[in-house]
Amino acid sequence: MLWEVCIRYPNGQERALRSYKDREVALKRIDTIYLEGYPMHVAYIVRPAQEIAFSH
């Protein structure tokens, strides 16, 4: 399973920043982001990667 580190904006929109194979690695990345400082108006989250359907 792939995990995405996403930024969530106050209006509820999310944008994936990077994908990881290991959830713990993704969570540690968020810890690093918060240790470096972050804007108070956004949140960083880890979620399962969304599947993208390709049409042929």
PDB file of N, CA and C in Angstrom:
ATOM      1  N   MET A   1       0.849  -1.178   0.000  1.00  0.00           N
ATOM      2  CA  MET A   1       0.000   0.000   0.000  1.00  0.00           C
ATOM      3  C   MET A   1       0.891   1.238   0.000  1.00  0.00           C
ATOM      4  N   LEU A   2       0.472   2.247  -0.736  1.00  0.00           N
ATOM      5  CA  LEU A   2       1.182   3.519  -0.757  1.00  0.00           C
ATOM      6  C   LEU A   2       0.482   4.514   0.154  1.00  0.00           C
ATOM      7  N   TRP A   3       1.280   5.374   0.765  1.00  0.00           N
ATOM      8  CA  TRP A   3       0.781   6.408   1.661  1.00  0.00           C
ATOM      9  C   TRP A   3       1.221   7.760   1.135  1.00  0.00           C
ATOM     10  N   GLU A   4       0.337   8.735   1.188  1.00  0.00           N
ATOM     11  CA  GLU A   4       0.636  10.076   0.724  1.00  0.00           C
ATOM     12  C   GLU A   4       0.753  11.042   1.895  1.00  0.00           C
ATOM     13  N   VAL A   5       1.767  11.875   1.841  1.00  0.00           N
ATOM     14  CA  VAL A   5       1.853  13.021   2.734  1.00  0.00           C
ATOM     15  C   VAL A   5       1.168  14.158   1.988  1.00  0.00           C
ATOM     16  N   CYS A   6       0.141  14.728   2.609  1.00  0.00           N
ATOM     17  CA  CYS A   6      -0.666  15.759   1.959  1.00  0.00           C
ATOM     18  C   CYS A   6      -0.696  17.020   2.805  1.00  0.00           C
ATOM     19  N   ILE A   7      -0.888  18.117   2.127  1.00  0.00           N
ATOM     20  CA  ILE A   7      -1.131  19.380   2.810  1.00  0.00           C
ATOM     21  C   ILE A   7      -2.629  19.648   2.707  1.00  0.00           C
ATOM     22  N   ARG A   8      -3.242  20.008   3.818  1.00  0.00           N
ATOM     23  CA  ARG A   8      -4.676  20.308   3.847  1.00  0.00           C
ATOM     24  C   ARG A   8      -4.851  21.789   4.158  1.00  0.00           C
ATOM     25  N   TYR A   9      -5.581  22.465   3.279  1.00  0.00           N
ATOM     26  CA  TYR A   9      -5.811  23.900   3.405  1.00  0.00           C
ATOM     27  C   TYR A   9      -7.080  24.164   4.212  1.00  0.00           C
ATOM     28  N   PRO A  10      -7.246  25.389   4.733  1.00  0.00           N
ATOM     29  CA  PRO A  10      -8.427  25.709   5.544  1.00  0.00           C
ATOM     30  C   PRO A  10      -9.755  25.479   4.831  1.00  0.00           C
ATOM     31  N   ASN A  11      -9.775  25.565   3.516  1.00  0.00           N
ATOM     32  CA  ASN A  11     -11.022  25.370   2.779  1.00  0.00           C
ATOM     33  C   ASN A  11     -11.339  23.891   2.547  1.00  0.00           C
ATOM     34  N   GLY A  12     -10.500  22.997   3.094  1.00  0.00           N
ATOM     35  CA  GLY A  12     -10.746  21.562   2.992  1.00  0.00           C
ATOM     36  C   GLY A  12     -10.046  20.884   1.828  1.00  0.00           C
ATOM     37  N   GLN A  13      -9.487  21.661   0.921  1.00  0.00           N
ATOM     38  CA  GLN A  13      -8.777  21.057  -0.201  1.00  0.00           C
ATOM     39  C   GLN A  13      -7.469  20.435   0.276  1.00  0.00           C
ATOM     40  N   GLU A  14      -7.071  19.374  -0.399  1.00  0.00           N
ATOM     41  CA  GLU A  14      -5.820  18.695  -0.080  1.00  0.00           C
ATOM     42  C   GLU A  14      -4.982  18.566  -1.342  1.00  0.00           C
ATOM     43  N   ARG A  15      -3.662  18.543  -1.140  1.00  0.00           N
ATOM     44  CA  ARG A  15      -2.746  18.337  -2.247  1.00  0.00           C
ATOM     45  C   ARG A  15      -1.673  17.370  -1.780  1.00  0.00           C
ATOM     46  N   ALA A  16      -1.466  16.299  -2.540  1.00  0.00           N
ATOM     47  CA  ALA A  16      -0.438  15.318  -2.211  1.00  0.00           C
ATOM     48  C   ALA A  16       0.928  15.921  -2.487  1.00  0.00           C
ATOM     49  N   LEU A  17       1.840  15.737  -1.532  1.00  0.00           N
ATOM     50  CA  LEU A  17       3.195  16.248  -1.686  1.00  0.00           C
ATOM     51  C   LEU A  17       4.168  15.153  -2.104  1.00  0.00           C
ATOM     52  N   ARG A  18       3.969  13.950  -1.546  1.00  0.00           N
ATOM     53  CA  ARG A  18       4.874  12.848  -1.828  1.00  0.00           C
ATOM     54  C   ARG A  18       4.230  11.543  -1.374  1.00  0.00           C
ATOM     55  N   SER A  19       4.599  10.452  -2.035  1.00  0.00           N
ATOM     56  CA  SER A  19       4.100   9.124  -1.669  1.00  0.00           C
ATOM     57  C   SER A  19       5.219   8.300  -1.041  1.00  0.00           C
ATOM     58  N   TYR A  20       4.824   7.442  -0.112  1.00  0.00           N
ATOM     59  CA  TYR A  20       5.765   6.555   0.575  1.00  0.00           C
ATOM     60  C   TYR A  20       5.183   5.156   0.608  1.00  0.00           C
ATOM     61  N   LYS A  21       6.044   4.152   0.612  1.00  0.00           N
ATOM     62  CA  LYS A  21       5.597   2.763   0.719  1.00  0.00           C
ATOM     63  C   LYS A  21       5.316   2.383   2.164  1.00  0.00           C
ATOM     64  N   ASP A  22       5.971   3.055   3.091  1.00  0.00           N
ATOM     65  CA  ASP A  22       5.873   2.724   4.509  1.00  0.00           C
ATOM     66  C   ASP A  22       5.169   3.875   5.248  1.00  0.00           C
ATOM     67  N   ARG A  23       4.086   3.566   5.938  1.00  0.00           N
ATOM     68  CA  ARG A  23       3.320   4.589   6.662  1.00  0.00           C
ATOM     69  C   ARG A  23       4.163   5.266   7.738  1.00  0.00           C
ATOM     70  N   GLU A  24       5.001   4.493   8.427  1.00  0.00           N
ATOM     71  CA  GLU A  24       5.832   5.065   9.486  1.00  0.00           C
ATOM     72  C   GLU A  24       6.816   6.092   8.935  1.00  0.00           C
ATOM     73  N   VAL A  25       7.353   5.849   7.759  1.00  0.00           N
ATOM     74  CA  VAL A  25       8.263   6.811   7.123  1.00  0.00           C
ATOM     75  C   VAL A  25       7.501   8.086   6.790  1.00  0.00           C
ATOM     76  N   ALA A  26       6.275   7.947   6.285  1.00  0.00           N
ATOM     77  CA  ALA A  26       5.455   9.118   5.974  1.00  0.00           C
ATOM     78  C   ALA A  26       5.154   9.927   7.239  1.00  0.00           C
ATOM     79  N   LEU A  27       4.827   9.245   8.325  1.00  0.00           N
ATOM     80  CA  LEU A  27       4.549   9.944   9.582  1.00  0.00           C
ATOM     81  C   LEU A  27       5.788  10.663  10.107  1.00  0.00           C
ATOM     82  N   LYS A  28       6.949  10.038   9.961  1.00  0.00           N
ATOM     83  CA  LYS A  28       8.193  10.687  10.403  1.00  0.00           C
ATOM     84  C   LYS A  28       8.484  11.923   9.563  1.00  0.00           C
ATOM     85  N   ARG A  29       8.112  11.889   8.285  1.00  0.00           N
ATOM     86  CA  ARG A  29       8.303  13.064   7.424  1.00  0.00           C
ATOM     87  C   ARG A  29       7.463  14.231   7.923  1.00  0.00           C
ATOM     88  N   ILE A  30       6.241  13.945   8.344  1.00  0.00           N
ATOM     89  CA  ILE A  30       5.394  15.011   8.898  1.00  0.00           C
ATOM     90  C   ILE A  30       5.998  15.549  10.187  1.00  0.00           C
ATOM     91  N   ASP A  31       6.517  14.668  11.024  1.00  0.00           N
ATOM     92  CA  ASP A  31       7.188  15.128  12.243  1.00  0.00           C
ATOM     93  C   ASP A  31       8.324  16.082  11.909  1.00  0.00           C
ATOM     94  N   THR A  32       9.089  15.759  10.873  1.00  0.00           N
ATOM     95  CA  THR A  32      10.196  16.618  10.445  1.00  0.00           C
ATOM     96  C   THR A  32       9.683  17.959   9.953  1.00  0.00           C
ATOM     97  N   ILE A  33       8.610  17.953   9.180  1.00  0.00           N
ATOM     98  CA  ILE A  33       8.018  19.210   8.696  1.00  0.00           C
ATOM     99  C   ILE A  33       7.640  20.096   9.873  1.00  0.00           C
ATOM    100  N   TYR A  34       6.973  19.514  10.875  1.00  0.00           N
ATOM    101  CA  TYR A  34       6.540  20.306  12.020  1.00  0.00           C
ATOM    102  C   TYR A  34       7.718  20.794  12.858  1.00  0.00           C
ATOM    103  N   LEU A  35       8.785  20.016  12.937  1.00  0.00           N
ATOM    104  CA  LEU A  35       9.971  20.450  13.686  1.00  0.00           C
ATOM    105  C   LEU A  35      10.651  21.638  13.010  1.00  0.00           C
ATOM    106  N   GLU A  36      10.572  21.701  11.687  1.00  0.00           N
ATOM    107  CA  GLU A  36      11.191  22.788  10.932  1.00  0.00           C
ATOM    108  C   GLU A  36      10.339  24.045  10.946  1.00  0.00           C
ATOM    109  N   GLY A  37       9.122  23.953  11.459  1.00  0.00           N
ATOM    110  CA  GLY A  37       8.196  25.072  11.458  1.00  0.00           C
ATOM    111  C   GLY A  37       7.209  24.909  10.322  1.00  0.00           C
ATOM    112  N   TYR A  38       6.056  25.521  10.466  1.00  0.00           N
ATOM    113  CA  TYR A  38       5.025  25.390   9.441  1.00  0.00           C
ATOM    114  C   TYR A  38       4.012  26.514   9.600  1.00  0.00           C
ATOM    115  N   PRO A  39       3.363  26.873   8.505  1.00  0.00           N
ATOM    116  CA  PRO A  39       2.311  27.895   8.598  1.00  0.00           C
ATOM    117  C   PRO A  39       1.139  27.366   9.433  1.00  0.00           C
ATOM    118  N   MET A  40       0.571  28.215  10.239  1.00  0.00           N
ATOM    119  CA  MET A  40      -0.514  27.795  11.131  1.00  0.00           C
ATOM    120  C   MET A  40      -1.830  27.556  10.393  1.00  0.00           C
ATOM    121  N   HIS A  41      -1.958  27.999   9.160  1.00  0.00           N
ATOM    122  CA  HIS A  41      -3.229  27.883   8.451  1.00  0.00           C
ATOM    123  C   HIS A  41      -3.348  26.608   7.619  1.00  0.00           C
ATOM    124  N   VAL A  42      -2.369  25.717   7.690  1.00  0.00           N
ATOM    125  CA  VAL A  42      -2.450  24.455   6.957  1.00  0.00           C
ATOM    126  C   VAL A  42      -2.126  23.301   7.895  1.00  0.00           C
ATOM    127  N   ALA A  43      -2.496  22.097   7.476  1.00  0.00           N
ATOM    128  CA  ALA A  43      -2.177  20.889   8.234  1.00  0.00           C
ATOM    129  C   ALA A  43      -1.526  19.891   7.283  1.00  0.00           C
ATOM    130  N   TYR A  44      -0.680  19.067   7.821  1.00  0.00           N
ATOM    131  CA  TYR A  44      -0.073  17.993   7.052  1.00  0.00           C
ATOM    132  C   TYR A  44      -0.637  16.683   7.555  1.00  0.00           C
ATOM    133  N   ILE A  45      -1.043  15.813   6.633  1.00  0.00           N
ATOM    134  CA  ILE A  45      -1.669  14.547   7.007  1.00  0.00           C
ATOM    135  C   ILE A  45      -1.067  13.411   6.190  1.00  0.00           C
ATOM    136  N   VAL A  46      -1.255  12.200   6.698  1.00  0.00           N
ATOM    137  CA  VAL A  46      -0.897  10.983   5.958  1.00  0.00           C
ATOM    138  C   VAL A  46      -2.195  10.257   5.665  1.00  0.00           C
ATOM    139  N   ARG A  47      -2.360   9.851   4.413  1.00  0.00           N
ATOM    140  CA  ARG A  47      -3.559   9.099   4.027  1.00  0.00           C
ATOM    141  C   ARG A  47      -3.159   8.032   3.014  1.00  0.00           C
ATOM    142  N   PRO A  48      -3.988   6.998   2.885  1.00  0.00           N
ATOM    143  CA  PRO A  48      -3.709   6.008   1.829  1.00  0.00           C
ATOM    144  C   PRO A  48      -3.750   6.701   0.470  1.00  0.00           C
ATOM    145  N   ALA A  49      -2.838   6.330  -0.396  1.00  0.00           N
ATOM    146  CA  ALA A  49      -2.784   6.931  -1.731  1.00  0.00           C
ATOM    147  C   ALA A  49      -4.058   6.612  -2.483  1.00  0.00           C
ATOM    148  N   GLN A  50      -4.564   7.602  -3.178  1.00  0.00           N
ATOM    149  CA  GLN A  50      -5.776   7.412  -3.964  1.00  0.00           C
ATOM    150  C   GLN A  50      -5.408   6.741  -5.277  1.00  0.00           C
ATOM    151  N   GLU A  51      -6.228   5.783  -5.661  1.00  0.00           N
ATOM    152  CA  GLU A  51      -5.996   5.096  -6.925  1.00  0.00           C
ATOM    153  C   GLU A  51      -6.444   5.987  -8.066  1.00  0.00           C
ATOM    154  N   ILE A  52      -5.665   6.002  -9.110  1.00  0.00           N
ATOM    155  CA  ILE A  52      -5.997   6.781 -10.301  1.00  0.00           C
ATOM    156  C   ILE A  52      -6.433   5.813 -11.382  1.00  0.00           C
ATOM    157  N   ALA A  53      -7.629   6.006 -11.880  1.00  0.00           N
ATOM    158  CA  ALA A  53      -8.140   5.132 -12.935  1.00  0.00           C
ATOM    159  C   ALA A  53      -7.687   5.676 -14.279  1.00  0.00           C
ATOM    160  N   PHE A  54      -7.111   4.812 -15.077  1.00  0.00           N
ATOM    161  CA  PHE A  54      -6.676   5.190 -16.421  1.00  0.00           C
ATOM    162  C   PHE A  54      -7.648   4.616 -17.429  1.00  0.00           C
ATOM    163  N   SER A  55      -8.074   5.424 -18.355  1.00  0.00           N
ATOM    164  CA  SER A  55      -8.946   4.911 -19.422  1.00  0.00           C
ATOM    165  C   SER A  55      -8.113   4.667 -20.664  1.00  0.00           C
ATOM    166  N   HIS A  56      -8.431   3.622 -21.385  1.00  0.00           N
ATOM    167  CA  HIS A  56      -7.669   3.268 -22.595  1.00  0.00           C
ATOM    168  C   HIS A  56      -8.440   3.616 -23.828  1.00  0.00           C
TER     169      HIS A  56
END
